[in-house]
Amino acid sequence: MREPIQTMEPKKRMTAWTILPEPKPAWEQFKRLLVEADDDPAKAHDIFVQRLRIKALRTCNFEAPPRMVDEFRIFTECAPAEMLTDWEEWTRG
């Protein structure tokens, strides 16, 4: 693991954090993300948003792995609306 050396000045870090778009990480989390993103606030924000998306996918269904969630989304986007709204009628033919 890398040594957490901050090369940005504290005031610049605070300014970068305050102008981040929503959703934005907590201050302490942002400082840790900056180390991971080589002091690039935009890259740190991208990492944060990507982790939020992954977390959201996993919480859709605690039992399902992310691959299954993605396949379900593809299925529901491709399936006819009648099949999704009235399953019994659809299966009767």
N, C-alpha and C. Protein backbone atom coordinates (compact mmCIF):
# COMPACT_ATOMS: atom_id res chain seq x y z
N MET A 1 0.84 -1.19 0.00
CA MET A 1 0.00 0.00 0.00
C MET A 1 0.87 1.24 0.00
N ARG A 2 0.43 2.24 -0.75
CA ARG A 2 1.22 3.46 -0.86
C ARG A 2 1.17 4.29 0.40
N GLU A 3 2.19 5.07 0.58
CA GLU A 3 2.26 6.01 1.69
C GLU A 3 1.28 7.16 1.42
N PRO A 4 0.39 7.50 2.35
CA PRO A 4 -0.59 8.56 2.10
C PRO A 4 0.03 9.96 2.17
N ILE A 5 0.74 10.34 1.12
CA ILE A 5 1.36 11.66 1.07
C ILE A 5 0.44 12.59 0.29
N GLN A 6 0.02 13.67 0.92
CA GLN A 6 -0.83 14.64 0.26
C GLN A 6 0.05 15.77 -0.28
N THR A 7 0.05 15.96 -1.58
CA THR A 7 0.83 17.04 -2.15
C THR A 7 -0.01 18.30 -2.34
N MET A 8 -1.33 18.16 -2.34
CA MET A 8 -2.19 19.34 -2.44
C MET A 8 -2.20 20.07 -1.12
N GLU A 9 -2.27 21.38 -1.20
CA GLU A 9 -2.38 22.17 0.02
C GLU A 9 -3.77 21.98 0.62
N PRO A 10 -3.89 22.06 1.95
CA PRO A 10 -5.19 21.84 2.59
C PRO A 10 -6.30 22.75 2.06
N LYS A 11 -6.00 24.01 1.79
CA LYS A 11 -7.03 24.91 1.28
C LYS A 11 -7.51 24.50 -0.11
N LYS A 12 -6.57 24.02 -0.94
CA LYS A 12 -6.95 23.56 -2.27
C LYS A 12 -7.81 22.30 -2.20
N ARG A 13 -7.46 21.41 -1.26
CA ARG A 13 -8.28 20.20 -1.07
C ARG A 13 -9.69 20.57 -0.66
N MET A 14 -9.81 21.51 0.29
CA MET A 14 -11.13 21.91 0.76
C MET A 14 -11.94 22.58 -0.36
N THR A 15 -11.28 23.41 -1.14
CA THR A 15 -11.96 24.07 -2.27
C THR A 15 -12.43 23.03 -3.29
N ALA A 16 -11.55 22.08 -3.60
CA ALA A 16 -11.90 21.03 -4.56
C ALA A 16 -13.09 20.22 -4.06
N TRP A 17 -13.14 19.95 -2.76
CA TRP A 17 -14.25 19.17 -2.19
C TRP A 17 -15.55 19.96 -2.24
N THR A 18 -15.50 21.26 -1.93
CA THR A 18 -16.73 22.05 -1.89
C THR A 18 -17.35 22.23 -3.27
N ILE A 19 -16.55 22.22 -4.34
CA ILE A 19 -17.12 22.42 -5.68
C ILE A 19 -17.46 21.11 -6.38
N LEU A 20 -17.26 19.98 -5.72
CA LEU A 20 -17.62 18.70 -6.33
C LEU A 20 -19.12 18.64 -6.57
N PRO A 21 -19.54 18.03 -7.68
CA PRO A 21 -20.98 17.85 -7.91
C PRO A 21 -21.53 16.75 -6.99
N GLU A 22 -22.84 16.77 -6.81
CA GLU A 22 -23.49 15.72 -6.03
C GLU A 22 -23.59 14.48 -6.89
N PRO A 23 -23.55 13.32 -6.32
CA PRO A 23 -23.26 13.02 -4.93
C PRO A 23 -21.77 13.16 -4.67
N LYS A 24 -21.45 13.68 -3.51
CA LYS A 24 -20.04 13.82 -3.19
C LYS A 24 -19.74 13.07 -1.89
N PRO A 25 -18.51 12.59 -1.78
CA PRO A 25 -18.15 11.82 -0.58
C PRO A 25 -18.00 12.73 0.64
N ALA A 26 -17.99 12.11 1.80
CA ALA A 26 -17.70 12.85 3.02
C ALA A 26 -16.27 13.38 2.95
N TRP A 27 -15.99 14.40 3.71
CA TRP A 27 -14.69 15.06 3.68
C TRP A 27 -13.54 14.08 3.90
N GLU A 28 -13.63 13.28 4.95
CA GLU A 28 -12.55 12.34 5.27
C GLU A 28 -12.39 11.30 4.16
N GLN A 29 -13.50 10.86 3.61
CA GLN A 29 -13.44 9.89 2.52
C GLN A 29 -12.81 10.52 1.28
N PHE A 30 -13.14 11.79 1.02
CA PHE A 30 -12.56 12.49 -0.12
C PHE A 30 -11.04 12.58 0.00
N LYS A 31 -10.55 12.85 1.20
CA LYS A 31 -9.10 12.93 1.39
C LYS A 31 -8.44 11.60 1.09
N ARG A 32 -9.06 10.51 1.50
CA ARG A 32 -8.50 9.19 1.20
C ARG A 32 -8.57 8.87 -0.30
N LEU A 33 -9.66 9.29 -0.93
CA LEU A 33 -9.79 9.07 -2.37
C LEU A 33 -8.76 9.86 -3.17
N LEU A 34 -8.42 11.03 -2.69
CA LEU A 34 -7.40 11.82 -3.38
C LEU A 34 -6.06 11.10 -3.45
N VAL A 35 -5.72 10.40 -2.40
CA VAL A 35 -4.47 9.63 -2.40
C VAL A 35 -4.53 8.57 -3.49
N GLU A 36 -5.68 7.90 -3.57
CA GLU A 36 -5.86 6.85 -4.56
C GLU A 36 -5.88 7.41 -5.99
N ALA A 37 -6.35 8.65 -6.14
CA ALA A 37 -6.51 9.26 -7.46
C ALA A 37 -5.35 10.19 -7.82
N ASP A 38 -4.25 10.09 -7.13
CA ASP A 38 -3.07 10.92 -7.40
C ASP A 38 -3.39 12.42 -7.38
N ASP A 39 -4.13 12.83 -6.37
CA ASP A 39 -4.49 14.24 -6.13
C ASP A 39 -5.31 14.86 -7.26
N ASP A 40 -6.08 14.06 -7.98
CA ASP A 40 -6.96 14.57 -9.03
C ASP A 40 -8.40 14.51 -8.51
N PRO A 41 -9.00 15.67 -8.17
CA PRO A 41 -10.35 15.67 -7.61
C PRO A 41 -11.40 15.04 -8.53
N ALA A 42 -11.29 15.27 -9.84
CA ALA A 42 -12.26 14.69 -10.77
C ALA A 42 -12.16 13.17 -10.78
N LYS A 43 -10.95 12.67 -10.77
CA LYS A 43 -10.73 11.22 -10.76
C LYS A 43 -11.23 10.63 -9.43
N ALA A 44 -11.00 11.33 -8.33
CA ALA A 44 -11.48 10.87 -7.03
C ALA A 44 -13.01 10.80 -7.01
N HIS A 45 -13.65 11.80 -7.62
CA HIS A 45 -15.12 11.79 -7.68
C HIS A 45 -15.61 10.64 -8.54
N ASP A 46 -14.93 10.37 -9.66
CA ASP A 46 -15.31 9.25 -10.53
C ASP A 46 -15.21 7.92 -9.79
N ILE A 47 -14.15 7.75 -9.02
CA ILE A 47 -13.98 6.52 -8.23
C ILE A 47 -15.13 6.39 -7.24
N PHE A 48 -15.48 7.49 -6.57
CA PHE A 48 -16.56 7.47 -5.59
C PHE A 48 -17.89 7.10 -6.24
N VAL A 49 -18.20 7.71 -7.38
CA VAL A 49 -19.47 7.42 -8.07
C VAL A 49 -19.50 5.99 -8.56
N GLN A 50 -18.38 5.49 -9.07
CA GLN A 50 -18.33 4.10 -9.53
C GLN A 50 -18.60 3.14 -8.38
N ARG A 51 -18.04 3.41 -7.22
CA ARG A 51 -18.28 2.55 -6.06
C ARG A 51 -19.73 2.64 -5.60
N LEU A 52 -20.34 3.81 -5.71
CA LEU A 52 -21.75 3.94 -5.37
C LEU A 52 -22.61 3.09 -6.29
N ARG A 53 -22.29 3.11 -7.58
CA ARG A 53 -23.06 2.32 -8.54
C ARG A 53 -22.94 0.83 -8.26
N ILE A 54 -21.74 0.39 -7.95
CA ILE A 54 -21.53 -1.03 -7.65
C ILE A 54 -22.31 -1.41 -6.40
N LYS A 55 -22.26 -0.55 -5.40
CA LYS A 55 -23.01 -0.82 -4.16
C LYS A 55 -24.51 -0.87 -4.43
N ALA A 56 -25.01 0.02 -5.27
CA ALA A 56 -26.43 0.03 -5.59
C ALA A 56 -26.84 -1.24 -6.31
N LEU A 57 -26.00 -1.71 -7.23
CA LEU A 57 -26.31 -2.97 -7.92
C LEU A 57 -26.38 -4.14 -6.96
N ARG A 58 -25.46 -4.17 -6.02
CA ARG A 58 -25.42 -5.29 -5.08
C ARG A 58 -26.60 -5.27 -4.12
N THR A 59 -27.13 -4.09 -3.82
CA THR A 59 -28.24 -4.03 -2.87
C THR A 59 -29.59 -4.24 -3.52
N CYS A 60 -29.63 -4.36 -4.86
CA CYS A 60 -30.90 -4.66 -5.52
C CYS A 60 -31.47 -5.98 -5.02
N ASN A 61 -30.63 -6.96 -4.87
CA ASN A 61 -31.03 -8.27 -4.40
C ASN A 61 -29.82 -8.87 -3.70
N PHE A 62 -29.93 -9.05 -2.39
CA PHE A 62 -28.79 -9.55 -1.63
C PHE A 62 -28.37 -10.95 -2.03
N GLU A 63 -29.29 -11.71 -2.60
CA GLU A 63 -29.00 -13.08 -2.98
C GLU A 63 -28.34 -13.17 -4.36
N ALA A 64 -28.61 -12.21 -5.22
CA ALA A 64 -28.17 -12.31 -6.61
C ALA A 64 -26.80 -11.69 -6.81
N PRO A 65 -25.94 -12.37 -7.53
CA PRO A 65 -24.66 -11.76 -7.90
C PRO A 65 -24.90 -10.67 -8.95
N PRO A 66 -23.99 -9.72 -9.09
CA PRO A 66 -24.18 -8.62 -10.04
C PRO A 66 -24.47 -9.07 -11.47
N ARG A 67 -23.88 -10.20 -11.90
CA ARG A 67 -24.12 -10.70 -13.25
C ARG A 67 -25.59 -11.02 -13.45
N MET A 68 -26.23 -11.63 -12.45
CA MET A 68 -27.65 -11.97 -12.56
C MET A 68 -28.51 -10.71 -12.61
N VAL A 69 -28.13 -9.71 -11.85
CA VAL A 69 -28.88 -8.46 -11.86
C VAL A 69 -28.80 -7.84 -13.25
N ASP A 70 -27.62 -7.83 -13.86
CA ASP A 70 -27.46 -7.29 -15.21
C ASP A 70 -28.29 -8.08 -16.22
N GLU A 71 -28.30 -9.41 -16.11
CA GLU A 71 -29.08 -10.23 -17.04
C GLU A 71 -30.56 -9.97 -16.86
N PHE A 72 -31.02 -9.75 -15.65
CA PHE A 72 -32.42 -9.45 -15.40
C PHE A 72 -32.80 -8.12 -16.05
N ARG A 73 -31.91 -7.13 -15.94
CA ARG A 73 -32.19 -5.84 -16.57
C ARG A 73 -32.30 -5.99 -18.09
N ILE A 74 -31.41 -6.78 -18.69
CA ILE A 74 -31.45 -6.99 -20.13
C ILE A 74 -32.76 -7.68 -20.49
N PHE A 75 -33.17 -8.68 -19.70
CA PHE A 75 -34.40 -9.41 -19.97
C PHE A 75 -35.60 -8.49 -19.89
N THR A 76 -35.69 -7.66 -18.85
CA THR A 76 -36.86 -6.81 -18.70
C THR A 76 -36.90 -5.71 -19.74
N GLU A 77 -35.74 -5.32 -20.28
CA GLU A 77 -35.74 -4.33 -21.35
C GLU A 77 -36.19 -4.94 -22.67
N CYS A 78 -35.95 -6.25 -22.86
CA CYS A 78 -36.27 -6.91 -24.13
C CYS A 78 -37.62 -7.61 -24.11
N ALA A 79 -38.14 -7.92 -22.94
CA ALA A 79 -39.38 -8.69 -22.84
C ALA A 79 -40.58 -7.83 -23.23
N PRO A 80 -41.61 -8.45 -23.84
CA PRO A 80 -42.82 -7.70 -24.16
C PRO A 80 -43.51 -7.23 -22.88
N ALA A 81 -44.14 -6.08 -22.95
CA ALA A 81 -44.80 -5.51 -21.77
C ALA A 81 -45.89 -6.44 -21.24
N GLU A 82 -46.61 -7.13 -22.14
CA GLU A 82 -47.68 -8.03 -21.70
C GLU A 82 -47.13 -9.16 -20.82
N MET A 83 -45.94 -9.62 -21.17
CA MET A 83 -45.34 -10.71 -20.41
C MET A 83 -45.01 -10.26 -18.99
N LEU A 84 -44.58 -9.02 -18.84
CA LEU A 84 -44.20 -8.53 -17.53
C LEU A 84 -45.40 -8.11 -16.69
N THR A 85 -46.48 -7.68 -17.31
CA THR A 85 -47.62 -7.18 -16.54
C THR A 85 -48.65 -8.25 -16.24
N ASP A 86 -48.86 -9.20 -17.17
CA ASP A 86 -49.86 -10.25 -16.95
C ASP A 86 -49.25 -11.61 -17.25
N TRP A 87 -48.47 -12.11 -16.31
CA TRP A 87 -47.73 -13.35 -16.50
C TRP A 87 -48.65 -14.53 -16.75
N GLU A 88 -49.78 -14.65 -16.02
CA GLU A 88 -50.67 -15.81 -16.19
C GLU A 88 -51.27 -15.86 -17.59
N GLU A 89 -51.68 -14.72 -18.09
CA GLU A 89 -52.24 -14.67 -19.45
C GLU A 89 -51.17 -15.03 -20.47
N TRP A 90 -49.98 -14.56 -20.26
CA TRP A 90 -48.88 -14.82 -21.19
C TRP A 90 -48.52 -16.30 -21.23
N THR A 91 -48.52 -16.97 -20.06
CA THR A 91 -48.13 -18.38 -20.03
C THR A 91 -49.24 -19.29 -20.55
N ARG A 92 -50.49 -18.83 -20.47
CA ARG A 92 -51.59 -19.64 -21.01
C ARG A 92 -51.55 -19.68 -22.52
N GLY A 93 -50.99 -18.66 -23.14
CA GLY A 93 -50.86 -18.65 -24.60
C GLY A 93 -52.04 -18.06 -25.21
